Amino acid sequence: VASSDLCSIEPPPMDTPEFIALLDRYERPLIRYACSIVGDLDSARDVVQETFIKLARGEMRSDGRNGAEASTAQLEAWLFTVTRNRPPDRLC
């Protein structure tokens, strides 16, 4: 990617009302879930932050789903799956 193209790439839509609503709905349950896996709150928060960054980057679409058209159940399943499949450096 040329450096001039980098300026035209839109930032993740993390400040939209829709994204904030997703954070409000899923952040706490995901942190509890991640904490049960990784064993500490700080690491759990990092894992959940990474999950929401992946969502903002459109990685749900690259999983063969359309994030804009995903049902609530599909979105929830994706969020919890990505949280569970955390990077190996997050292991206890």
PDB file of N, CA and C in Angstrom:
ATOM      1  N   VAL A   1       0.850  -1.179   0.000  1.00  0.00           N
ATOM      2  CA  VAL A   1       0.000   0.000   0.000  1.00  0.00           C
ATOM      3  C   VAL A   1       0.886   1.228   0.000  1.00  0.00           C
ATOM      4  N   ALA A   2       0.631   2.107  -0.910  1.00  0.00           N
ATOM      5  CA  ALA A   2       1.399   3.347  -0.989  1.00  0.00           C
ATOM      6  C   ALA A   2       1.078   4.232   0.200  1.00  0.00           C
ATOM      7  N   SER A   3       2.049   5.048   0.613  1.00  0.00           N
ATOM      8  CA  SER A   3       1.831   5.902   1.783  1.00  0.00           C
ATOM      9  C   SER A   3       0.689   6.882   1.561  1.00  0.00           C
ATOM     10  N   SER A   4       0.466   7.319   0.326  1.00  0.00           N
ATOM     11  CA  SER A   4      -0.651   8.227   0.051  1.00  0.00           C
ATOM     12  C   SER A   4      -1.990   7.528   0.238  1.00  0.00           C
ATOM     13  N   ASP A   5      -2.024   6.182   0.045  1.00  0.00           N
ATOM     14  CA  ASP A   5      -3.256   5.433   0.245  1.00  0.00           C
ATOM     15  C   ASP A   5      -3.597   5.282   1.722  1.00  0.00           C
ATOM     16  N   LEU A   6      -2.595   5.319   2.597  1.00  0.00           N
ATOM     17  CA  LEU A   6      -2.844   5.148   4.024  1.00  0.00           C
ATOM     18  C   LEU A   6      -3.709   6.264   4.576  1.00  0.00           C
ATOM     19  N   CYS A   7      -3.568   7.454   4.011  1.00  0.00           N
ATOM     20  CA  CYS A   7      -4.351   8.583   4.494  1.00  0.00           C
ATOM     21  C   CYS A   7      -5.817   8.466   4.121  1.00  0.00           C
ATOM     22  N   SER A   8      -6.128   7.679   3.105  1.00  0.00           N
ATOM     23  CA  SER A   8      -7.507   7.567   2.664  1.00  0.00           C
ATOM     24  C   SER A   8      -8.254   6.417   3.331  1.00  0.00           C
ATOM     25  N   ILE A   9      -7.542   5.613   4.129  1.00  0.00           N
ATOM     26  CA  ILE A   9      -8.193   4.511   4.806  1.00  0.00           C
ATOM     27  C   ILE A   9      -8.966   5.053   5.996  1.00  0.00           C
ATOM     28  N   GLU A  10     -10.247   4.696   6.077  1.00  0.00           N
ATOM     29  CA  GLU A  10     -11.071   5.181   7.179  1.00  0.00           C
ATOM     30  C   GLU A  10     -10.697   4.479   8.470  1.00  0.00           C
ATOM     31  N   PRO A  11     -10.705   5.212   9.594  1.00  0.00           N
ATOM     32  CA  PRO A  11     -10.439   4.569  10.875  1.00  0.00           C
ATOM     33  C   PRO A  11     -11.598   3.657  11.257  1.00  0.00           C
ATOM     34  N   PRO A  12     -11.366   2.722  12.169  1.00  0.00           N
ATOM     35  CA  PRO A  12     -12.455   1.853  12.607  1.00  0.00           C
ATOM     36  C   PRO A  12     -13.611   2.678  13.160  1.00  0.00           C
ATOM     37  N   PRO A  13     -14.839   2.263  12.905  1.00  0.00           N
ATOM     38  CA  PRO A  13     -16.010   3.043  13.332  1.00  0.00           C
ATOM     39  C   PRO A  13     -16.337   2.833  14.807  1.00  0.00           C
ATOM     40  N   MET A  14     -15.340   3.022  15.676  1.00  0.00           N
ATOM     41  CA  MET A  14     -15.525   2.737  17.093  1.00  0.00           C
ATOM     42  C   MET A  14     -16.318   3.805  17.828  1.00  0.00           C
ATOM     43  N   ASP A  15     -16.521   4.955  17.208  1.00  0.00           N
ATOM     44  CA  ASP A  15     -17.236   6.019  17.902  1.00  0.00           C
ATOM     45  C   ASP A  15     -18.667   6.190  17.412  1.00  0.00           C
ATOM     46  N   THR A  16     -19.148   5.237  16.629  1.00  0.00           N
ATOM     47  CA  THR A  16     -20.523   5.320  16.155  1.00  0.00           C
ATOM     48  C   THR A  16     -21.481   4.875  17.256  1.00  0.00           C
ATOM     49  N   PRO A  17     -22.696   5.365  17.258  1.00  0.00           N
ATOM     50  CA  PRO A  17     -23.670   4.940  18.272  1.00  0.00           C
ATOM     51  C   PRO A  17     -23.897   3.424  18.273  1.00  0.00           C
ATOM     52  N   GLU A  18     -23.852   2.811  17.091  1.00  0.00           N
ATOM     53  CA  GLU A  18     -24.061   1.367  16.998  1.00  0.00           C
ATOM     54  C   GLU A  18     -22.933   0.598  17.683  1.00  0.00           C
ATOM     55  N   PHE A  19     -21.705   1.032  17.460  1.00  0.00           N
ATOM     56  CA  PHE A  19     -20.564   0.354  18.064  1.00  0.00           C
ATOM     57  C   PHE A  19     -20.567   0.549  19.580  1.00  0.00           C
ATOM     58  N   ILE A  20     -20.885   1.751  20.018  1.00  0.00           N
ATOM     59  CA  ILE A  20     -20.960   2.025  21.451  1.00  0.00           C
ATOM     60  C   ILE A  20     -22.057   1.182  22.099  1.00  0.00           C
ATOM     61  N   ALA A  21     -23.166   0.998  21.401  1.00  0.00           N
ATOM     62  CA  ALA A  21     -24.238   0.141  21.924  1.00  0.00           C
ATOM     63  C   ALA A  21     -23.763  -1.306  22.067  1.00  0.00           C
ATOM     64  N   LEU A  22     -22.963  -1.779  21.104  1.00  0.00           N
ATOM     65  CA  LEU A  22     -22.399  -3.133  21.209  1.00  0.00           C
ATOM     66  C   LEU A  22     -21.468  -3.241  22.414  1.00  0.00           C
ATOM     67  N   LEU A  23     -20.652  -2.226  22.614  1.00  0.00           N
ATOM     68  CA  LEU A  23     -19.765  -2.204  23.785  1.00  0.00           C
ATOM     69  C   LEU A  23     -20.586  -2.263  25.070  1.00  0.00           C
ATOM     70  N   ASP A  24     -21.620  -1.432  25.136  1.00  0.00           N
ATOM     71  CA  ASP A  24     -22.456  -1.397  26.334  1.00  0.00           C
ATOM     72  C   ASP A  24     -23.104  -2.749  26.613  1.00  0.00           C
ATOM     73  N   ARG A  25     -23.504  -3.430  25.560  1.00  0.00           N
ATOM     74  CA  ARG A  25     -24.215  -4.702  25.723  1.00  0.00           C
ATOM     75  C   ARG A  25     -23.288  -5.875  26.033  1.00  0.00           C
ATOM     76  N   TYR A  26     -22.124  -5.918  25.380  1.00  0.00           N
ATOM     77  CA  TYR A  26     -21.303  -7.126  25.439  1.00  0.00           C
ATOM     78  C   TYR A  26     -19.992  -7.003  26.217  1.00  0.00           C
ATOM     79  N   GLU A  27     -19.539  -5.802  26.519  1.00  0.00           N
ATOM     80  CA  GLU A  27     -18.218  -5.678  27.140  1.00  0.00           C
ATOM     81  C   GLU A  27     -18.129  -6.416  28.478  1.00  0.00           C
ATOM     82  N   ARG A  28     -19.054  -6.191  29.374  1.00  0.00           N
ATOM     83  CA  ARG A  28     -18.984  -6.845  30.693  1.00  0.00           C
ATOM     84  C   ARG A  28     -19.108  -8.363  30.613  1.00  0.00           C
ATOM     85  N   PRO A  29     -20.090  -8.885  29.866  1.00  0.00           N
ATOM     86  CA  PRO A  29     -20.163 -10.354  29.771  1.00  0.00           C
ATOM     87  C   PRO A  29     -18.899 -10.962  29.155  1.00  0.00           C
ATOM     88  N   LEU A  30     -18.319 -10.280  28.167  1.00  0.00           N
ATOM     89  CA  LEU A  30     -17.099 -10.790  27.544  1.00  0.00           C
ATOM     90  C   LEU A  30     -15.916 -10.729  28.510  1.00  0.00           C
ATOM     91  N   ILE A  31     -15.847  -9.674  29.308  1.00  0.00           N
ATOM     92  CA  ILE A  31     -14.757  -9.580  30.289  1.00  0.00           C
ATOM     93  C   ILE A  31     -14.887 -10.694  31.321  1.00  0.00           C
ATOM     94  N   ARG A  32     -16.107 -10.957  31.794  1.00  0.00           N
ATOM     95  CA  ARG A  32     -16.297 -12.058  32.750  1.00  0.00           C
ATOM     96  C   ARG A  32     -15.873 -13.382  32.128  1.00  0.00           C
ATOM     97  N   TYR A  33     -16.270 -13.607  30.882  1.00  0.00           N
ATOM     98  CA  TYR A  33     -15.931 -14.840  30.183  1.00  0.00           C
ATOM     99  C   TYR A  33     -14.415 -14.956  30.007  1.00  0.00           C
ATOM    100  N   ALA A  34     -13.798 -13.874  29.534  1.00  0.00           N
ATOM    101  CA  ALA A  34     -12.350 -13.888  29.315  1.00  0.00           C
ATOM    102  C   ALA A  34     -11.608 -14.083  30.632  1.00  0.00           C
ATOM    103  N   CYS A  35     -12.094 -13.483  31.694  1.00  0.00           N
ATOM    104  CA  CYS A  35     -11.455 -13.621  32.995  1.00  0.00           C
ATOM    105  C   CYS A  35     -11.509 -15.074  33.477  1.00  0.00           C
ATOM    106  N   SER A  36     -12.596 -15.761  33.162  1.00  0.00           N
ATOM    107  CA  SER A  36     -12.693 -17.167  33.557  1.00  0.00           C
ATOM    108  C   SER A  36     -11.699 -18.027  32.779  1.00  0.00           C
ATOM    109  N   ILE A  37     -11.236 -17.528  31.655  1.00  0.00           N
ATOM    110  CA  ILE A  37     -10.290 -18.276  30.826  1.00  0.00           C
ATOM    111  C   ILE A  37      -8.848 -17.895  31.165  1.00  0.00           C
ATOM    112  N   VAL A  38      -8.563 -16.592  31.210  1.00  0.00           N
ATOM    113  CA  VAL A  38      -7.179 -16.150  31.385  1.00  0.00           C
ATOM    114  C   VAL A  38      -6.779 -15.969  32.842  1.00  0.00           C
ATOM    115  N   GLY A  39      -7.751 -15.838  33.722  1.00  0.00           N
ATOM    116  CA  GLY A  39      -7.459 -15.832  35.144  1.00  0.00           C
ATOM    117  C   GLY A  39      -7.204 -14.494  35.804  1.00  0.00           C
ATOM    118  N   ASP A  40      -7.114 -13.406  35.042  1.00  0.00           N
ATOM    119  CA  ASP A  40      -6.970 -12.108  35.707  1.00  0.00           C
ATOM    120  C   ASP A  40      -7.673 -11.022  34.902  1.00  0.00           C
ATOM    121  N   LEU A  41      -8.131 -10.026  35.628  1.00  0.00           N
ATOM    122  CA  LEU A  41      -8.970  -8.993  35.050  1.00  0.00           C
ATOM    123  C   LEU A  41      -8.255  -8.157  34.003  1.00  0.00           C
ATOM    124  N   ASP A  42      -7.017  -7.779  34.250  1.00  0.00           N
ATOM    125  CA  ASP A  42      -6.298  -6.945  33.274  1.00  0.00           C
ATOM    126  C   ASP A  42      -6.114  -7.661  31.940  1.00  0.00           C
ATOM    127  N   SER A  43      -5.723  -8.921  31.987  1.00  0.00           N
ATOM    128  CA  SER A  43      -5.572  -9.693  30.747  1.00  0.00           C
ATOM    129  C   SER A  43      -6.919  -9.885  30.063  1.00  0.00           C
ATOM    130  N   ALA A  44      -7.959 -10.101  30.856  1.00  0.00           N
ATOM    131  CA  ALA A  44      -9.306 -10.267  30.287  1.00  0.00           C
ATOM    132  C   ALA A  44      -9.730  -9.003  29.551  1.00  0.00           C
ATOM    133  N   ARG A  45      -9.469  -7.854  30.137  1.00  0.00           N
ATOM    134  CA  ARG A  45      -9.813  -6.584  29.469  1.00  0.00           C
ATOM    135  C   ARG A  45      -9.035  -6.429  28.166  1.00  0.00           C
ATOM    136  N   ASP A  46      -7.769  -6.820  28.164  1.00  0.00           N
ATOM    137  CA  ASP A  46      -6.968  -6.750  26.932  1.00  0.00           C
ATOM    138  C   ASP A  46      -7.545  -7.645  25.848  1.00  0.00           C
ATOM    139  N   VAL A  47      -7.923  -8.857  26.231  1.00  0.00           N
ATOM    140  CA  VAL A  47      -8.499  -9.804  25.264  1.00  0.00           C
ATOM    141  C   VAL A  47      -9.785  -9.236  24.671  1.00  0.00           C
ATOM    142  N   VAL A  48     -10.641  -8.679  25.507  1.00  0.00           N
ATOM    143  CA  VAL A  48     -11.914  -8.129  25.025  1.00  0.00           C
ATOM    144  C   VAL A  48     -11.671  -6.909  24.145  1.00  0.00           C
ATOM    145  N   GLN A  49     -10.704  -6.094  24.509  1.00  0.00           N
ATOM    146  CA  GLN A  49     -10.363  -4.950  23.660  1.00  0.00           C
ATOM    147  C   GLN A  49      -9.925  -5.437  22.278  1.00  0.00           C
ATOM    148  N   GLU A  50      -9.103  -6.463  22.238  1.00  0.00           N
ATOM    149  CA  GLU A  50      -8.667  -7.031  20.958  1.00  0.00           C
ATOM    150  C   GLU A  50      -9.858  -7.567  20.161  1.00  0.00           C
ATOM    151  N   THR A  51     -10.815  -8.162  20.842  1.00  0.00           N
ATOM    152  CA  THR A  51     -12.012  -8.680  20.177  1.00  0.00           C
ATOM    153  C   THR A  51     -12.783  -7.549  19.505  1.00  0.00           C
ATOM    154  N   PHE A  52     -12.991  -6.452  20.222  1.00  0.00           N
ATOM    155  CA  PHE A  52     -13.734  -5.333  19.649  1.00  0.00           C
ATOM    156  C   PHE A  52     -12.949  -4.640  18.541  1.00  0.00           C
ATOM    157  N   ILE A  53     -11.645  -4.623  18.632  1.00  0.00           N
ATOM    158  CA  ILE A  53     -10.834  -4.074  17.540  1.00  0.00           C
ATOM    159  C   ILE A  53     -11.015  -4.927  16.286  1.00  0.00           C
ATOM    160  N   LYS A  54     -11.026  -6.254  16.457  1.00  0.00           N
ATOM    161  CA  LYS A  54     -11.251  -7.138  15.308  1.00  0.00           C
ATOM    162  C   LYS A  54     -12.620  -6.880  14.691  1.00  0.00           C
ATOM    163  N   LEU A  55     -13.621  -6.670  15.527  1.00  0.00           N
ATOM    164  CA  LEU A  55     -14.958  -6.377  15.015  1.00  0.00           C
ATOM    165  C   LEU A  55     -14.949  -5.063  14.240  1.00  0.00           C
ATOM    166  N   ALA A  56     -14.308  -4.042  14.793  1.00  0.00           N
ATOM    167  CA  ALA A  56     -14.257  -2.735  14.139  1.00  0.00           C
ATOM    168  C   ALA A  56     -13.512  -2.795  12.808  1.00  0.00           C
ATOM    169  N   ARG A  57     -12.519  -3.671  12.728  1.00  0.00           N
ATOM    170  CA  ARG A  57     -11.753  -3.823  11.487  1.00  0.00           C
ATOM    171  C   ARG A  57     -12.502  -4.626  10.436  1.00  0.00           C
ATOM    172  N   GLY A  58     -13.635  -5.160  10.798  1.00  0.00           N
ATOM    173  CA  GLY A  58     -14.428  -5.917   9.833  1.00  0.00           C
ATOM    174  C   GLY A  58     -14.047  -7.365   9.727  1.00  0.00           C
ATOM    175  N   GLU A  59     -13.354  -7.897  10.732  1.00  0.00           N
ATOM    176  CA  GLU A  59     -12.908  -9.288  10.655  1.00  0.00           C
ATOM    177  C   GLU A  59     -14.063 -10.279  10.721  1.00  0.00           C
ATOM    178  N   MET A  60     -15.209  -9.839  11.195  1.00  0.00           N
ATOM    179  CA  MET A  60     -16.370 -10.730  11.179  1.00  0.00           C
ATOM    180  C   MET A  60     -16.748 -11.045   9.733  1.00  0.00           C
ATOM    181  N   ARG A  61     -16.623 -10.051   8.869  1.00  0.00           N
ATOM    182  CA  ARG A  61     -16.912 -10.270   7.442  1.00  0.00           C
ATOM    183  C   ARG A  61     -15.917 -11.234   6.828  1.00  0.00           C
ATOM    184  N   SER A  62     -14.655 -11.171   7.255  1.00  0.00           N
ATOM    185  CA  SER A  62     -13.654 -12.063   6.680  1.00  0.00           C
ATOM    186  C   SER A  62     -13.847 -13.500   7.160  1.00  0.00           C
ATOM    187  N   ASP A  63     -14.670 -13.668   8.191  1.00  0.00           N
ATOM    188  CA  ASP A  63     -15.021 -15.012   8.649  1.00  0.00           C
ATOM    189  C   ASP A  63     -16.177 -15.593   7.831  1.00  0.00           C
ATOM    190  N   GLY A  64     -16.567 -14.913   6.767  1.00  0.00           N
ATOM    191  CA  GLY A  64     -17.635 -15.410   5.923  1.00  0.00           C
ATOM    192  C   GLY A  64     -19.004 -14.918   6.345  1.00  0.00           C
ATOM    193  N   ARG A  65     -19.042 -13.935   7.236  1.00  0.00           N
ATOM    194  CA  ARG A  65     -20.313 -13.370   7.671  1.00  0.00           C
ATOM    195  C   ARG A  65     -20.308 -11.890   7.351  1.00  0.00           C
ATOM    196  N   ASN A  66     -21.466 -11.337   7.151  1.00  0.00           N
ATOM    197  CA  ASN A  66     -21.571  -9.904   6.927  1.00  0.00           C
ATOM    198  C   ASN A  66     -21.979  -9.273   8.246  1.00  0.00           C
ATOM    199  N   GLY A  67     -21.074  -8.526   8.871  1.00  0.00           N
ATOM    200  CA  GLY A  67     -21.340  -7.921  10.167  1.00  0.00           C
ATOM    201  C   GLY A  67     -22.582  -7.058  10.176  1.00  0.00           C
ATOM    202  N   ALA A  68     -22.840  -6.359   9.082  1.00  0.00           N
ATOM    203  CA  ALA A  68     -23.998  -5.486   9.025  1.00  0.00           C
ATOM    204  C   ALA A  68     -25.297  -6.276   9.001  1.00  0.00           C
ATOM    205  N   GLU A  69     -25.245  -7.484   8.486  1.00  0.00           N
ATOM    206  CA  GLU A  69     -26.455  -8.283   8.360  1.00  0.00           C
ATOM    207  C   GLU A  69     -26.504  -9.453   9.334  1.00  0.00           C
ATOM    208  N   ALA A  70     -25.518  -9.556  10.185  1.00  0.00           N
ATOM    209  CA  ALA A  70     -25.475 -10.674  11.126  1.00  0.00           C
ATOM    210  C   ALA A  70     -26.596 -10.535  12.136  1.00  0.00           C
ATOM    211  N   SER A  71     -27.171 -11.669  12.480  1.00  0.00           N
ATOM    212  CA  SER A  71     -28.191 -11.651  13.515  1.00  0.00           C
ATOM    213  C   SER A  71     -27.518 -11.424  14.857  1.00  0.00           C
ATOM    214  N   THR A  72     -28.304 -11.094  15.841  1.00  0.00           N
ATOM    215  CA  THR A  72     -27.769 -10.895  17.185  1.00  0.00           C
ATOM    216  C   THR A  72     -27.088 -12.162  17.672  1.00  0.00           C
ATOM    217  N   ALA A  73     -27.681 -13.313  17.412  1.00  0.00           N
ATOM    218  CA  ALA A  73     -27.090 -14.587  17.842  1.00  0.00           C
ATOM    219  C   ALA A  73     -25.756 -14.837  17.147  1.00  0.00           C
ATOM    220  N   GLN A  74     -25.668 -14.549  15.863  1.00  0.00           N
ATOM    221  CA  GLN A  74     -24.411 -14.729  15.131  1.00  0.00           C
ATOM    222  C   GLN A  74     -23.323 -13.793  15.663  1.00  0.00           C
ATOM    223  N   LEU A  75     -23.702 -12.555  15.912  1.00  0.00           N
ATOM    224  CA  LEU A  75     -22.747 -11.581  16.438  1.00  0.00           C
ATOM    225  C   LEU A  75     -22.252 -12.019  17.813  1.00  0.00           C
ATOM    226  N   GLU A  76     -23.175 -12.405  18.669  1.00  0.00           N
ATOM    227  CA  GLU A  76     -22.795 -12.840  20.013  1.00  0.00           C
ATOM    228  C   GLU A  76     -21.883 -14.067  19.953  1.00  0.00           C
ATOM    229  N   ALA A  77     -22.219 -15.021  19.114  1.00  0.00           N
ATOM    230  CA  ALA A  77     -21.390 -16.222  18.973  1.00  0.00           C
ATOM    231  C   ALA A  77     -19.994 -15.849  18.476  1.00  0.00           C
ATOM    232  N   TRP A  78     -19.916 -14.939  17.513  1.00  0.00           N
ATOM    233  CA  TRP A  78     -18.630 -14.516  16.982  1.00  0.00           C
ATOM    234  C   TRP A  78     -17.800 -13.841  18.070  1.00  0.00           C
ATOM    235  N   LEU A  79     -18.404 -12.921  18.825  1.00  0.00           N
ATOM    236  CA  LEU A  79     -17.689 -12.211  19.882  1.00  0.00           C
ATOM    237  C   LEU A  79     -17.127 -13.172  20.922  1.00  0.00           C
ATOM    238  N   PHE A  80     -17.936 -14.132  21.361  1.00  0.00           N
ATOM    239  CA  PHE A  80     -17.469 -15.069  22.378  1.00  0.00           C
ATOM    240  C   PHE A  80     -16.434 -16.047  21.816  1.00  0.00           C
ATOM    241  N   THR A  81     -16.569 -16.413  20.552  1.00  0.00           N
ATOM    242  CA  THR A  81     -15.582 -17.304  19.934  1.00  0.00           C
ATOM    243  C   THR A  81     -14.236 -16.617  19.799  1.00  0.00           C
ATOM    244  N   VAL A  82     -14.238 -15.382  19.333  1.00  0.00           N
ATOM    245  CA  VAL A  82     -12.985 -14.639  19.191  1.00  0.00           C
ATOM    246  C   VAL A  82     -12.349 -14.422  20.560  1.00  0.00           C
ATOM    247  N   THR A  83     -13.158 -14.143  21.558  1.00  0.00           N
ATOM    248  CA  THR A  83     -12.640 -13.973  22.915  1.00  0.00           C
ATOM    249  C   THR A  83     -12.014 -15.273  23.416  1.00  0.00           C
ATOM    250  N   ARG A  84     -12.665 -16.380  23.165  1.00  0.00           N
ATOM    251  CA  ARG A  84     -12.145 -17.677  23.597  1.00  0.00           C
ATOM    252  C   ARG A  84     -10.846 -18.018  22.873  1.00  0.00           C
ATOM    253  N   ASN A  85     -10.766 -17.697  21.599  1.00  0.00           N
ATOM    254  CA  ASN A  85      -9.586 -18.017  20.789  1.00  0.00           C
ATOM    255  C   ASN A  85      -8.541 -16.920  20.890  1.00  0.00           C
ATOM    256  N   ARG A  86      -8.274 -16.520  22.092  1.00  0.00           N
ATOM    257  CA  ARG A  86      -7.322 -15.456  22.361  1.00  0.00           C
ATOM    258  C   ARG A  86      -5.916 -15.879  21.943  1.00  0.00           C
ATOM    259  N   PRO A  87      -5.015 -14.920  21.831  1.00  0.00           N
ATOM    260  CA  PRO A  87      -3.628 -15.267  21.507  1.00  0.00           C
ATOM    261  C   PRO A  87      -3.017 -16.127  22.602  1.00  0.00           C
ATOM    262  N   PRO A  88      -2.071 -17.004  22.253  1.00  0.00           N
ATOM    263  CA  PRO A  88      -1.448 -17.880  23.242  1.00  0.00           C
ATOM    264  C   PRO A  88      -0.745 -17.135  24.373  1.00  0.00           C
ATOM    265  N   ASP A  89      -0.294 -15.914  24.146  1.00  0.00           N
ATOM    266  CA  ASP A  89       0.403 -15.176  25.213  1.00  0.00           C
ATOM    267  C   ASP A  89      -0.540 -14.725  26.317  1.00  0.00           C
ATOM    268  N   ARG A  90      -1.836 -14.961  26.148  1.00  0.00           N
ATOM    269  CA  ARG A  90      -2.817 -14.601  27.172  1.00  0.00           C
ATOM    270  C   ARG A  90      -3.132 -15.765  28.111  1.00  0.00           C
ATOM    271  N   LEU A  91      -2.463 -16.888  27.908  1.00  0.00           N
ATOM    272  CA  LEU A  91      -2.709 -18.035  28.780  1.00  0.00           C
ATOM    273  C   LEU A  91      -2.191 -17.756  30.178  1.00  0.00           C
ATOM    274  N   CYS A  92      -2.810 -18.378  31.162  1.00  0.00           N
ATOM    275  CA  CYS A  92      -2.386 -18.220  32.569  1.00  0.00           C
ATOM    276  C   CYS A  92      -1.011 -18.820  32.773  1.00  0.00           C
TER     277      CYS A  92
END
